[in-house]
Amino acid sequence: MLLKTDLRIVVSTYAGLEELLAQELRQLGGRDVEIHTRAVSCVGDKGFMYKVNFCSRLALRVMVSLTSFSIKDGDDLYREVAAIDWTEFMKVSQTFAVRCTLNSELFDTNLYPALKVKDAIADSFRSNGGKRPDVEKENPDLEVMVFINRDRCTLLLNSSGESLHRRGYRAEVDKAPLSEVLAAGIIMMSGWEPHKPLIDFMCGSGTIPIEAALMAANIPPGAFRKQFAFEKWPDFDEALYKTIREKQIERINDNPVRIYGNEINRFVLEKAEENVKNAGVEDMVQLSLGDFNDFERPSGNGVVIINPPYGEKLQPEDLDALYKSIGDRFKKNYAGYKAWIFTGSPEGAKAIGLRSNRKIKLFNGPIECRLLGYELFEGSKKDMYKDNNE
């Protein structure tokens, strides 16, 4: 196969998580790490590529860079792609798909260059053996990613398959689910440490508590996946992947941790309970049913992370009143805690009535959001510093 020892790997993620992803890739062994918009690139071998797919909490897709070239039109694109020996990457009996991202005035739509690449790949096979592989949009054996920026085209192979945010533990979701990758990024940004309590008293289908539990126990996100796309590639090294997988599974620990999730909707809570069970973290996550105002804070100081309704998909009767009650609850019951609210409602954020010490811009799908951090003290900050001086 054309892929050699040193692979240029591009890992996509959500806007705002690039710095965290870069740190994660370095920890996993990535070299020459470079940060881009919604992506991070680095260099690593085949084992590293397997490891990122299996272990990364922040990756959406792990793509291997195949080649890059200049083009002037669709004919140039076709010739460059057709010149590649695609039998190195798939069998004629396998299926493929082409996804095109366009940032160029060369083409009016991404459909035309995608079609050109499909034809070039098919014709490459036809010239070699007379047959062409079938196109399969949903679950192809090989997915070719085409990025055209001005007059530069880059071809990458998607080693992940479907997006890595789909861990595999979430059976069903509520009306406005939070992506597992985004939840993991928010938890990392919060500074939460596993020896401290973590509370999500508006937990929905349980994504934040579950992702926190996976981190605390060193459970790799890929442990729930049935298959990655790289397992269908001709050069898949099953023994190497098995070794990497086994080493990561061995790192799972049983350290005690206190993670709490609360949900007011009984039906949604049942889904959270199912997801917690699927993730195998029932001993780490305690779920309860009720209004967040009635949730009893556990002993000790820790971190609260919540993702309340934005007024987009969910329509509470009075969004301002909801956010005000959250702020009141923080002030009255969570002194000593660090609190984080992830919201796409600027109006709701204002109604909280607390001054945030951190504001981080993130996106939940197309919705521009803010992750707001609060240091919760008894009385005022002025009183706290006065007491310290005395």
Protein backbone atom coordinates (compact mmCIF):
# COMPACT_ATOMS: atom_id res chain seq x y z
CA MET A 1 0.00 0.00 0.00
CA LEU A 2 1.15 3.56 -0.66
CA LEU A 3 0.89 4.61 2.99
CA LYS A 4 4.41 4.56 4.48
CA THR A 5 5.85 4.65 8.00
CA ASP A 6 5.44 8.40 8.54
CA LEU A 7 1.87 9.43 7.82
CA ARG A 8 0.60 12.99 7.70
CA ILE A 9 -2.58 12.75 9.73
CA VAL A 10 -5.35 15.34 9.91
CA VAL A 11 -7.76 15.08 12.83
CA SER A 12 -10.99 17.07 12.73
CA THR A 13 -12.79 18.42 15.79
CA TYR A 14 -15.21 21.17 16.82
CA ALA A 15 -14.28 24.84 16.65
CA GLY A 16 -12.77 25.86 19.97
CA LEU A 17 -11.33 22.45 20.83
CA GLU A 18 -8.27 22.63 18.58
CA GLU A 19 -5.76 23.51 21.33
CA LEU A 20 -6.99 20.68 23.56
CA LEU A 21 -6.86 18.25 20.66
CA ALA A 22 -3.28 19.29 19.88
CA GLN A 23 -2.30 18.53 23.48
CA GLU A 24 -4.04 15.18 23.30
CA LEU A 25 -2.29 14.22 20.06
CA ARG A 26 1.10 15.11 21.54
CA GLN A 27 0.34 12.92 24.55
CA LEU A 28 -0.57 10.06 22.22
CA GLY A 29 2.76 10.42 20.42
CA GLY A 30 2.02 12.77 17.50
CA ARG A 31 4.92 14.74 16.01
CA ASP A 32 5.07 18.05 14.15
CA VAL A 33 1.67 19.06 15.50
CA GLU A 34 0.01 21.98 13.71
CA ILE A 35 -3.28 23.64 14.63
CA HIS A 36 -5.81 24.57 11.95
CA THR A 37 -9.45 25.67 11.96
CA ARG A 38 -11.53 22.78 13.33
CA ALA A 39 -8.61 20.41 12.79
CA VAL A 40 -5.10 19.52 13.93
CA SER A 41 -2.47 17.85 11.76
CA CYS A 42 0.52 15.81 12.88
CA VAL A 43 2.90 13.04 11.87
CA GLY A 44 2.73 9.48 13.12
CA ASP A 45 2.93 5.88 12.01
CA LYS A 46 0.17 3.37 11.40
CA GLY A 47 0.02 2.38 15.06
CA PHE A 48 -0.37 6.01 16.05
CA MET A 49 -3.30 6.33 13.63
CA TYR A 50 -4.95 3.28 15.22
CA LYS A 51 -4.29 4.70 18.68
CA VAL A 52 -5.84 8.11 17.94
CA ASN A 53 -8.99 6.47 16.62
CA PHE A 54 -9.26 4.27 19.68
CA CYS A 55 -8.20 6.73 22.39
CA SER A 56 -9.00 10.31 21.34
CA ARG A 57 -11.85 11.95 23.23
CA LEU A 58 -11.78 15.06 21.06
CA ALA A 59 -11.45 13.71 17.50
CA LEU A 60 -14.33 13.59 15.05
CA ARG A 61 -12.46 11.95 12.19
CA VAL A 62 -8.88 10.79 11.76
CA MET A 63 -7.81 11.27 8.14
CA VAL A 64 -4.60 10.17 6.45
CA SER A 65 -3.21 12.59 3.89
CA LEU A 66 -2.66 10.82 0.57
CA THR A 67 -1.50 13.52 -1.83
CA SER A 68 -1.80 17.21 -2.66
CA PHE A 69 -1.60 18.94 -6.04
CA SER A 70 -2.50 22.12 -7.93
CA ILE A 71 -5.45 22.23 -10.33
CA LYS A 72 -6.95 24.72 -12.76
CA ASP A 73 -10.17 22.91 -13.62
CA GLY A 74 -12.07 19.65 -13.41
CA ASP A 75 -9.92 18.00 -16.07
CA ASP A 76 -6.78 18.60 -13.98
CA LEU A 77 -8.53 17.13 -10.97
CA TYR A 78 -9.58 14.04 -12.93
CA ARG A 79 -6.10 13.42 -14.36
CA GLU A 80 -4.35 13.69 -10.98
CA VAL A 81 -6.79 11.34 -9.26
CA ALA A 82 -6.88 8.83 -12.13
CA ALA A 83 -3.07 8.61 -12.06
CA ILE A 84 -3.20 7.07 -8.57
CA ASP A 85 -3.23 3.27 -8.38
CA TRP A 86 -6.37 2.89 -6.29
CA THR A 87 -5.99 -0.89 -6.13
CA GLU A 88 -3.41 -0.12 -3.42
CA PHE A 89 -6.20 1.18 -1.19
CA MET A 90 -9.20 -1.03 -1.93
CA LYS A 91 -10.36 -4.09 -3.83
CA VAL A 92 -12.70 -3.83 -6.78
CA SER A 93 -15.24 -5.82 -4.76
CA GLN A 94 -15.29 -3.12 -2.08
CA THR A 95 -17.31 0.11 -2.04
CA PHE A 96 -16.18 3.71 -1.85
CA ALA A 97 -17.53 7.22 -1.38
CA VAL A 98 -16.20 10.71 -2.03
CA ARG A 99 -16.83 13.74 0.20
CA CYS A 100 -15.75 17.14 -1.06
CA THR A 101 -15.15 20.35 0.91
CA LEU A 102 -14.80 23.40 -1.31
CA ASN A 103 -13.17 26.77 -0.65
CA SER A 104 -12.43 27.83 -4.19
CA GLU A 105 -13.83 29.82 -7.08
CA LEU A 106 -12.85 27.10 -9.52
CA PHE A 107 -16.19 25.33 -9.01
CA ASP A 108 -19.69 26.60 -8.28
CA THR A 109 -20.58 23.59 -6.14
CA ASN A 110 -18.78 20.72 -4.43
CA LEU A 111 -20.92 18.20 -6.34
CA TYR A 112 -18.99 18.59 -9.61
CA PRO A 113 -15.45 17.98 -8.22
CA ALA A 114 -16.80 15.10 -6.13
CA LEU A 115 -18.23 13.53 -9.28
CA LYS A 116 -14.92 14.05 -11.11
CA VAL A 117 -13.04 12.24 -8.35
CA LYS A 118 -15.57 9.38 -8.33
CA ASP A 119 -15.22 8.94 -12.08
CA ALA A 120 -11.42 9.07 -11.88
CA ILE A 121 -11.28 6.37 -9.20
CA ALA A 122 -13.74 4.15 -11.09
CA ASP A 123 -11.91 4.60 -14.38
CA SER A 124 -8.60 3.82 -12.70
CA PHE A 125 -9.97 0.42 -11.73
CA ARG A 126 -11.53 -0.10 -15.14
CA SER A 127 -8.21 0.55 -16.88
CA ASN A 128 -6.51 -2.03 -14.65
CA GLY A 129 -9.03 -4.85 -14.78
CA GLY A 130 -12.15 -3.92 -16.67
CA LYS A 131 -14.37 -3.64 -13.60
CA ARG A 132 -15.19 -0.70 -11.36
CA PRO A 133 -16.12 -0.70 -7.66
CA ASP A 134 -19.55 0.42 -6.49
CA VAL A 135 -20.28 3.69 -4.75
CA GLU A 136 -21.85 3.40 -1.28
CA LYS A 137 -22.78 6.62 0.50
CA GLU A 138 -23.74 5.34 3.95
CA ASN A 139 -21.06 2.87 5.01
CA PRO A 140 -18.33 2.63 2.35
CA ASP A 141 -15.24 0.48 2.69
CA LEU A 142 -13.12 3.46 1.63
CA GLU A 143 -14.08 7.10 2.07
CA VAL A 144 -12.02 9.62 0.12
CA MET A 145 -12.06 13.16 1.49
CA VAL A 146 -11.39 15.91 -1.06
CA PHE A 147 -10.41 19.37 0.19
CA ILE A 148 -10.08 22.09 -2.46
CA ASN A 149 -8.67 25.39 -1.24
CA ARG A 150 -8.27 27.91 -4.07
CA ASP A 151 -6.20 26.03 -6.65
CA ARG A 152 -4.89 23.38 -4.25
CA CYS A 153 -6.50 19.97 -3.88
CA THR A 154 -5.71 17.58 -1.03
CA LEU A 155 -6.88 13.98 -0.91
CA LEU A 156 -7.26 12.22 2.42
CA LEU A 157 -8.54 8.81 3.47
CA ASN A 158 -11.00 8.66 6.36
CA SER A 159 -9.61 6.04 8.73
CA SER A 160 -12.42 6.40 11.27
CA GLY A 161 -15.59 5.73 9.33
CA GLU A 162 -18.56 7.40 10.95
CA SER A 163 -17.84 10.33 13.25
CA LEU A 164 -16.00 9.37 16.43
CA HIS A 165 -18.43 11.39 18.56
CA ARG A 166 -20.76 8.43 18.10
CA ARG A 167 -19.07 6.41 20.78
CA GLY A 168 -21.57 3.57 20.70
CA TYR A 169 -22.95 3.67 24.25
CA ARG A 170 -25.81 6.07 23.58
CA ALA A 171 -28.83 4.02 22.47
CA GLU A 172 -31.33 6.85 22.23
CA VAL A 173 -31.13 10.58 22.81
CA ASP A 174 -33.35 13.36 24.08
CA LYS A 175 -34.56 16.26 21.95
CA ALA A 176 -31.33 18.27 22.08
CA PRO A 177 -28.39 15.91 22.66
CA LEU A 178 -24.92 17.19 23.42
CA SER A 179 -22.15 15.66 21.31
CA GLU A 180 -19.92 13.28 23.24
CA VAL A 181 -16.80 15.01 21.87
CA LEU A 182 -18.10 18.43 22.87
CA ALA A 183 -19.00 17.13 26.33
CA ALA A 184 -15.49 15.72 26.76
CA GLY A 185 -13.95 19.05 25.71
CA ILE A 186 -16.13 20.98 28.15
CA ILE A 187 -15.14 18.68 31.01
CA MET A 188 -11.45 19.15 30.17
CA MET A 189 -11.86 22.92 30.06
CA SER A 190 -13.60 22.90 33.43
CA GLY A 191 -10.47 21.68 35.18
CA TRP A 192 -12.39 18.93 36.97
CA GLU A 193 -10.27 16.32 38.71
CA PRO A 194 -11.62 12.82 39.40
CA HIS A 195 -11.05 13.03 43.16
CA LYS A 196 -13.63 15.84 43.34
CA PRO A 197 -17.42 15.57 42.92
CA LEU A 198 -18.87 16.44 39.52
CA ILE A 199 -22.54 17.41 39.23
CA ASP A 200 -24.80 17.86 36.23
CA PHE A 201 -28.23 18.60 37.65
CA MET A 202 -29.73 18.98 34.15
CA CYS A 203 -28.08 15.90 32.67
CA GLY A 204 -30.50 14.99 29.86
CA SER A 205 -29.42 11.66 28.37
CA GLY A 206 -26.34 11.64 30.62
CA THR A 207 -23.57 12.59 28.20
CA ILE A 208 -21.57 14.84 30.55
CA PRO A 209 -21.61 12.41 33.53
CA ILE A 210 -20.76 9.46 31.27
CA GLU A 211 -17.87 11.22 29.53
CA ALA A 212 -16.51 12.30 32.93
CA ALA A 213 -16.70 8.70 34.15
CA LEU A 214 -14.87 7.43 31.07
CA MET A 215 -12.09 9.95 31.70
CA ALA A 216 -11.82 9.12 35.39
CA ALA A 217 -11.56 5.39 34.73
CA ASN A 218 -9.29 5.73 31.65
CA ILE A 219 -11.88 3.93 29.52
CA PRO A 220 -11.00 4.65 25.88
CA PRO A 221 -13.90 5.98 23.78
CA GLY A 222 -13.11 3.49 21.04
CA ALA A 223 -13.86 0.57 23.35
CA PHE A 224 -17.53 0.81 22.35
CA ARG A 225 -16.98 0.93 18.60
CA LYS A 226 -17.70 -2.21 16.61
CA GLN A 227 -15.41 -1.25 13.74
CA PHE A 228 -13.20 1.51 12.34
CA ALA A 229 -12.79 2.16 8.64
CA PHE A 230 -9.07 1.31 8.73
CA GLU A 231 -9.99 -2.29 9.55
CA LYS A 232 -11.26 -2.63 5.96
CA TRP A 233 -8.04 -1.35 4.38
CA PRO A 234 -5.80 -3.86 2.57
CA ASP A 235 -2.79 -3.12 4.81
CA PHE A 236 -4.70 -3.42 8.10
CA ASP A 237 -2.36 -4.86 10.73
CA GLU A 238 -4.70 -6.81 12.96
CA ALA A 239 -1.99 -7.94 15.37
CA LEU A 240 -0.73 -4.38 15.87
CA TYR A 241 -4.23 -3.03 16.45
CA LYS A 242 -4.99 -5.85 18.91
CA THR A 243 -1.83 -5.02 20.88
CA ILE A 244 -2.72 -1.31 21.04
CA ARG A 245 -6.28 -2.09 22.08
CA GLU A 246 -5.20 -4.52 24.81
CA LYS A 247 -2.65 -2.08 26.26
CA GLN A 248 -5.27 0.66 26.50
CA ILE A 249 -7.83 -1.66 28.08
CA GLU A 250 -5.23 -2.63 30.70
CA ARG A 251 -5.02 1.04 31.76
CA ILE A 252 -8.66 1.09 32.92
CA ASN A 253 -8.86 1.64 36.68
CA ASP A 254 -11.44 1.17 39.43
CA ASN A 255 -10.60 4.28 41.44
CA PRO A 256 -13.59 5.64 43.41
CA VAL A 257 -15.23 8.70 41.91
CA ARG A 258 -18.36 10.74 42.65
CA ILE A 259 -20.33 11.81 39.59
CA TYR A 260 -23.95 12.92 39.83
CA GLY A 261 -26.60 13.43 37.18
CA ASN A 262 -30.09 14.74 37.75
CA GLU A 263 -32.98 15.06 35.27
CA ILE A 264 -36.53 16.34 35.70
CA ASN A 265 -38.03 14.30 32.84
CA ARG A 266 -38.60 10.65 33.79
CA PHE A 267 -38.51 9.40 30.19
CA VAL A 268 -35.21 11.17 29.49
CA LEU A 269 -33.77 9.90 32.78
CA GLU A 270 -34.58 6.35 31.75
CA LYS A 271 -32.54 6.90 28.59
CA ALA A 272 -29.69 8.29 30.69
CA GLU A 273 -29.83 5.17 32.89
CA GLU A 274 -29.69 2.99 29.79
CA ASN A 275 -26.71 4.93 28.43
CA VAL A 276 -24.86 4.72 31.75
CA LYS A 277 -25.41 0.97 31.76
CA ASN A 278 -24.24 0.65 28.15
CA ALA A 279 -21.07 2.55 29.04
CA GLY A 280 -20.45 0.27 32.02
CA VAL A 281 -20.13 3.11 34.54
CA GLU A 282 -23.12 2.39 36.80
CA ASP A 283 -20.78 2.23 39.80
CA MET A 284 -19.45 5.73 39.03
CA VAL A 285 -22.52 7.73 38.04
CA GLN A 286 -25.43 8.32 40.40
CA LEU A 287 -28.62 9.45 38.64
CA SER A 288 -31.68 11.00 40.25
CA LEU A 289 -35.10 12.27 39.16
CA GLY A 290 -36.34 15.71 40.12
CA ASP A 291 -36.14 19.48 39.77
CA PHE A 292 -32.60 20.82 40.02
CA ASN A 293 -33.71 23.10 42.85
CA ASP A 294 -34.41 20.00 44.92
CA PHE A 295 -31.11 18.28 44.17
CA GLU A 296 -29.06 17.86 47.35
CA ARG A 297 -25.47 18.90 46.97
CA PRO A 298 -23.00 16.17 48.01
CA SER A 299 -20.37 16.83 50.65
CA GLY A 300 -17.12 18.50 49.67
CA ASN A 301 -16.36 21.02 46.97
CA GLY A 302 -16.23 20.13 43.31
CA VAL A 303 -17.46 21.16 39.89
CA VAL A 304 -20.92 21.72 38.42
CA ILE A 305 -21.32 21.50 34.65
CA ILE A 306 -24.72 22.01 33.05
CA ASN A 307 -26.09 22.45 29.54
CA PRO A 308 -29.49 24.14 30.05
CA PRO A 309 -32.02 24.79 27.24
CA TYR A 310 -31.13 27.58 24.81
CA GLY A 311 -34.61 28.45 23.61
CA GLU A 312 -33.78 26.85 20.23
CA LYS A 313 -34.92 23.24 20.06
CA LEU A 314 -36.34 23.38 23.57
CA GLN A 315 -38.79 26.13 24.46
CA PRO A 316 -39.18 26.69 28.22
CA GLU A 317 -42.02 29.03 29.12
CA ASP A 318 -39.71 31.58 30.61
CA LEU A 319 -36.06 31.17 29.68
CA ASP A 320 -34.92 34.15 31.77
CA ALA A 321 -36.67 32.79 34.85
CA LEU A 322 -34.99 29.42 34.36
CA TYR A 323 -31.50 30.93 34.12
CA LYS A 324 -32.16 33.26 37.05
CA SER A 325 -33.16 30.29 39.19
CA ILE A 326 -29.93 28.52 38.15
CA GLY A 327 -27.91 31.55 39.29
CA ASP A 328 -29.86 31.70 42.57
CA ARG A 329 -29.23 28.02 43.17
CA PHE A 330 -25.53 28.47 42.58
CA LYS A 331 -25.33 31.36 45.05
CA LYS A 332 -27.33 29.67 47.80
CA ASN A 333 -26.15 26.08 47.62
CA TYR A 334 -22.81 25.79 45.85
CA ALA A 335 -20.36 28.04 47.65
CA GLY A 336 -16.88 26.62 47.21
CA TYR A 337 -17.72 25.00 43.88
CA LYS A 338 -16.63 25.91 40.38
CA ALA A 339 -19.65 26.13 38.09
CA TRP A 340 -19.79 25.97 34.31
CA ILE A 341 -22.75 26.68 32.08
CA PHE A 342 -22.69 25.77 28.40
CA THR A 343 -25.35 27.79 26.64
CA GLY A 344 -26.37 29.19 23.30
CA SER A 345 -28.67 31.78 24.86
CA PRO A 346 -27.05 35.22 25.44
CA GLU A 347 -30.27 36.42 27.09
CA GLY A 348 -30.31 33.47 29.46
CA ALA A 349 -26.64 34.01 30.33
CA LYS A 350 -27.39 37.60 31.36
CA ALA A 351 -30.27 36.44 33.57
CA ILE A 352 -27.98 34.21 35.64
CA GLY A 353 -27.02 37.24 37.70
CA LEU A 354 -23.43 36.16 38.33
CA ARG A 355 -20.23 37.51 36.84
CA SER A 356 -18.30 34.84 34.97
CA ASN A 357 -14.53 34.68 35.23
CA ARG A 358 -14.20 32.60 32.04
CA LYS A 359 -15.99 32.92 28.69
CA ILE A 360 -15.09 30.40 26.01
CA LYS A 361 -16.61 30.48 22.54
CA LEU A 362 -17.77 27.09 21.26
CA PHE A 363 -20.34 25.75 18.82
CA ASN A 364 -23.08 23.18 19.35
CA GLY A 365 -23.79 22.28 15.74
CA PRO A 366 -24.60 25.58 14.00
CA ILE A 367 -25.42 27.34 17.28
CA GLU A 368 -22.77 29.73 18.61
CA CYS A 369 -22.42 29.07 22.33
CA ARG A 370 -20.45 30.18 25.35
CA LEU A 371 -18.95 28.08 28.09
CA LEU A 372 -19.22 30.33 31.14
CA GLY A 373 -17.15 29.65 34.25
CA TYR A 374 -18.00 30.89 37.75
CA GLU A 375 -16.09 30.84 41.03
CA LEU A 376 -18.75 30.48 43.72
CA PHE A 377 -17.94 32.09 47.09
CA GLU A 378 -19.87 32.65 50.28
CA GLY A 379 -20.72 36.34 50.42
CA SER A 380 -18.77 38.53 47.98
CA LYS A 381 -15.30 38.22 46.50
CA LYS A 382 -14.37 41.32 48.48
CA ASP A 383 -15.31 39.53 51.72
CA MET A 384 -13.23 36.51 50.76
CA TYR A 385 -10.06 38.51 50.16
CA LYS A 386 -10.71 40.54 53.29
CA ASP A 387 -10.93 37.33 55.33
CA ASN A 388 -7.69 36.07 53.77
CA ASN A 389 -5.83 39.25 54.72
CA GLU A 390 -7.10 39.05 58.28
